[in-house]
Amino acid sequence: MPELAFIKSTLVSQAIHLFFAFVALVLGAVAIKVIDRFLLKKIDLEEEIARGNLAAAVLAGALWIALAMILSRAG
């Protein structure tokens, strides 16, 4: 049954990829928090976004996009 072996290996491969995607997402969230805490000490991005500061929202979005680009190149 070569089809069964192919399906099994595909499912294992998908599970591994999902695991690494989850790990990358968690590491990304931690990296954003570290950047927010240590590099942007005087600015609380979450508070600024809640107050409606569009520049803070764009900065936070740009950080996530940059992180996604880095992680997609690393894989």
N, C-alpha and C. Protein backbone atom coordinates (compact mmCIF):
# COMPACT_ATOMS: atom_id res chain seq x y z
N MET A 1 0.83 -1.18 0.00
CA MET A 1 0.00 0.00 0.00
C MET A 1 0.87 1.25 0.00
N PRO A 2 1.41 1.62 -1.13
CA PRO A 2 2.25 2.82 -1.18
C PRO A 2 1.47 4.10 -0.89
N GLU A 3 0.18 4.10 -1.19
CA GLU A 3 -0.61 5.30 -0.94
C GLU A 3 -0.74 5.58 0.55
N LEU A 4 -0.88 4.53 1.35
CA LEU A 4 -1.01 4.69 2.79
C LEU A 4 0.28 5.25 3.39
N ALA A 5 1.41 4.77 2.93
CA ALA A 5 2.69 5.28 3.42
C ALA A 5 2.86 6.75 3.03
N PHE A 6 2.44 7.10 1.82
CA PHE A 6 2.53 8.49 1.37
C PHE A 6 1.65 9.40 2.21
N ILE A 7 0.43 8.96 2.49
CA ILE A 7 -0.49 9.75 3.31
C ILE A 7 0.07 9.91 4.72
N LYS A 8 0.61 8.83 5.27
CA LYS A 8 1.17 8.90 6.62
C LYS A 8 2.36 9.86 6.67
N SER A 9 3.24 9.79 5.71
CA SER A 9 4.40 10.69 5.70
C SER A 9 3.97 12.14 5.48
N THR A 10 2.93 12.34 4.68
CA THR A 10 2.42 13.69 4.47
C THR A 10 1.83 14.26 5.76
N LEU A 11 1.07 13.46 6.48
CA LEU A 11 0.49 13.92 7.75
C LEU A 11 1.56 14.23 8.78
N VAL A 12 2.60 13.41 8.83
CA VAL A 12 3.70 13.67 9.76
C VAL A 12 4.39 14.98 9.38
N SER A 13 4.62 15.16 8.10
CA SER A 13 5.26 16.39 7.62
C SER A 13 4.40 17.60 7.96
N GLN A 14 3.12 17.52 7.77
CA GLN A 14 2.22 18.63 8.09
C GLN A 14 2.22 18.94 9.59
N ALA A 15 2.25 17.89 10.41
CA ALA A 15 2.28 18.09 11.86
C ALA A 15 3.57 18.79 12.28
N ILE A 16 4.68 18.41 11.68
CA ILE A 16 5.96 19.05 12.00
C ILE A 16 5.92 20.52 11.58
N HIS A 17 5.40 20.80 10.41
CA HIS A 17 5.33 22.18 9.95
C HIS A 17 4.40 23.02 10.83
N LEU A 18 3.29 22.46 11.25
CA LEU A 18 2.39 23.19 12.14
C LEU A 18 3.05 23.46 13.49
N PHE A 19 3.80 22.50 13.99
CA PHE A 19 4.52 22.69 15.25
C PHE A 19 5.52 23.83 15.13
N PHE A 20 6.31 23.83 14.07
CA PHE A 20 7.30 24.88 13.89
C PHE A 20 6.64 26.24 13.63
N ALA A 21 5.51 26.26 12.98
CA ALA A 21 4.78 27.51 12.78
C ALA A 21 4.31 28.06 14.12
N PHE A 22 3.83 27.19 14.98
CA PHE A 22 3.39 27.62 16.31
C PHE A 22 4.57 28.15 17.12
N VAL A 23 5.70 27.44 17.07
CA VAL A 23 6.89 27.89 17.79
C VAL A 23 7.35 29.24 17.26
N ALA A 24 7.33 29.42 15.95
CA ALA A 24 7.73 30.70 15.36
C ALA A 24 6.79 31.82 15.79
N LEU A 25 5.50 31.53 15.87
CA LEU A 25 4.54 32.54 16.31
C LEU A 25 4.79 32.94 17.76
N VAL A 26 5.04 31.97 18.61
CA VAL A 26 5.31 32.26 20.02
C VAL A 26 6.61 33.05 20.16
N LEU A 27 7.65 32.62 19.45
CA LEU A 27 8.92 33.35 19.50
C LEU A 27 8.76 34.76 18.95
N GLY A 28 7.93 34.92 17.95
CA GLY A 28 7.67 36.25 17.41
C GLY A 28 6.99 37.15 18.42
N ALA A 29 6.01 36.60 19.12
CA ALA A 29 5.33 37.39 20.14
C ALA A 29 6.29 37.79 21.26
N VAL A 30 7.15 36.87 21.65
CA VAL A 30 8.15 37.18 22.68
C VAL A 30 9.11 38.25 22.16
N ALA A 31 9.53 38.13 20.91
CA ALA A 31 10.45 39.13 20.34
C ALA A 31 9.81 40.51 20.30
N ILE A 32 8.54 40.59 19.93
CA ILE A 32 7.85 41.87 19.90
C ILE A 32 7.77 42.45 21.32
N LYS A 33 7.49 41.61 22.31
CA LYS A 33 7.42 42.09 23.70
C LYS A 33 8.79 42.58 24.17
N VAL A 34 9.86 41.88 23.78
CA VAL A 34 11.21 42.31 24.16
C VAL A 34 11.54 43.65 23.52
N ILE A 35 11.21 43.80 22.26
CA ILE A 35 11.44 45.07 21.57
C ILE A 35 10.64 46.17 22.25
N ASP A 36 9.40 45.88 22.58
CA ASP A 36 8.54 46.87 23.23
C ASP A 36 9.08 47.26 24.61
N ARG A 37 9.58 46.30 25.34
CA ARG A 37 10.02 46.57 26.71
C ARG A 37 11.39 47.23 26.77
N PHE A 38 12.35 46.79 25.96
CA PHE A 38 13.72 47.27 26.11
C PHE A 38 14.10 48.35 25.11
N LEU A 39 13.61 48.29 23.90
CA LEU A 39 13.98 49.29 22.91
C LEU A 39 13.05 50.50 22.92
N LEU A 40 11.80 50.28 23.27
CA LEU A 40 10.82 51.37 23.29
C LEU A 40 10.37 51.61 24.73
N LYS A 41 11.33 51.94 25.60
CA LYS A 41 11.03 52.07 27.02
C LYS A 41 10.03 53.18 27.32
N LYS A 42 10.11 54.26 26.59
CA LYS A 42 9.26 55.42 26.90
C LYS A 42 7.89 55.35 26.23
N ILE A 43 7.69 54.36 25.38
CA ILE A 43 6.44 54.25 24.63
C ILE A 43 5.79 52.92 24.96
N ASP A 44 4.54 52.95 25.40
CA ASP A 44 3.76 51.73 25.60
C ASP A 44 2.86 51.56 24.38
N LEU A 45 3.26 50.65 23.48
CA LEU A 45 2.54 50.50 22.21
C LEU A 45 1.08 50.13 22.42
N GLU A 46 0.82 49.22 23.34
CA GLU A 46 -0.56 48.79 23.55
C GLU A 46 -1.44 49.95 24.03
N GLU A 47 -0.91 50.76 24.94
CA GLU A 47 -1.67 51.90 25.45
C GLU A 47 -1.88 52.94 24.35
N GLU A 48 -0.84 53.19 23.58
CA GLU A 48 -0.95 54.17 22.50
C GLU A 48 -1.95 53.72 21.44
N ILE A 49 -1.94 52.44 21.12
CA ILE A 49 -2.91 51.93 20.14
C ILE A 49 -4.32 52.03 20.69
N ALA A 50 -4.49 51.73 21.99
CA ALA A 50 -5.81 51.84 22.61
C ALA A 50 -6.32 53.28 22.60
N ARG A 51 -5.40 54.25 22.69
CA ARG A 51 -5.79 55.66 22.65
C ARG A 51 -6.04 56.15 21.22
N GLY A 52 -5.78 55.30 20.24
CA GLY A 52 -6.06 55.67 18.86
C GLY A 52 -4.88 56.25 18.10
N ASN A 53 -3.68 56.04 18.60
CA ASN A 53 -2.48 56.55 17.94
C ASN A 53 -2.18 55.68 16.73
N LEU A 54 -2.41 56.23 15.55
CA LEU A 54 -2.23 55.48 14.32
C LEU A 54 -0.76 55.15 14.06
N ALA A 55 0.13 56.05 14.41
CA ALA A 55 1.57 55.81 14.20
C ALA A 55 2.04 54.61 15.02
N ALA A 56 1.57 54.48 16.24
CA ALA A 56 1.94 53.33 17.06
C ALA A 56 1.41 52.04 16.47
N ALA A 57 0.19 52.08 15.93
CA ALA A 57 -0.38 50.90 15.30
C ALA A 57 0.40 50.50 14.05
N VAL A 58 0.82 51.48 13.28
CA VAL A 58 1.60 51.20 12.07
C VAL A 58 2.96 50.61 12.47
N LEU A 59 3.59 51.14 13.53
CA LEU A 59 4.85 50.61 14.00
C LEU A 59 4.71 49.16 14.45
N ALA A 60 3.68 48.88 15.22
CA ALA A 60 3.46 47.51 15.69
C ALA A 60 3.21 46.57 14.51
N GLY A 61 2.42 47.01 13.55
CA GLY A 61 2.17 46.19 12.37
C GLY A 61 3.43 45.97 11.55
N ALA A 62 4.26 47.00 11.44
CA ALA A 62 5.51 46.87 10.70
C ALA A 62 6.46 45.89 11.39
N LEU A 63 6.46 45.89 12.72
CA LEU A 63 7.29 44.94 13.45
C LEU A 63 6.85 43.50 13.17
N TRP A 64 5.54 43.27 13.16
CA TRP A 64 5.03 41.92 12.88
C TRP A 64 5.33 41.51 11.44
N ILE A 65 5.19 42.44 10.51
CA ILE A 65 5.47 42.12 9.10
C ILE A 65 6.96 41.81 8.92
N ALA A 66 7.82 42.61 9.54
CA ALA A 66 9.26 42.37 9.44
C ALA A 66 9.62 41.02 10.05
N LEU A 67 9.03 40.69 11.18
CA LEU A 67 9.28 39.41 11.80
C LEU A 67 8.80 38.26 10.91
N ALA A 68 7.65 38.42 10.30
CA ALA A 68 7.14 37.38 9.39
C ALA A 68 8.06 37.19 8.19
N MET A 69 8.59 38.29 7.68
CA MET A 69 9.51 38.18 6.55
C MET A 69 10.80 37.46 6.96
N ILE A 70 11.30 37.77 8.14
CA ILE A 70 12.52 37.11 8.62
C ILE A 70 12.28 35.62 8.81
N LEU A 71 11.16 35.27 9.44
CA LEU A 71 10.88 33.87 9.69
C LEU A 71 10.59 33.10 8.42
N SER A 72 9.99 33.74 7.44
CA SER A 72 9.70 33.02 6.19
C SER A 72 10.98 32.77 5.40
N ARG A 73 11.98 33.63 5.53
CA ARG A 73 13.26 33.42 4.85
C ARG A 73 14.09 32.37 5.55
N ALA A 74 13.91 32.23 6.86
CA ALA A 74 14.73 31.29 7.62
C ALA A 74 14.31 29.85 7.37
N GLY A 75 13.08 29.63 6.93
CA GLY A 75 12.58 28.28 6.79
C GLY A 75 12.88 27.61 5.56
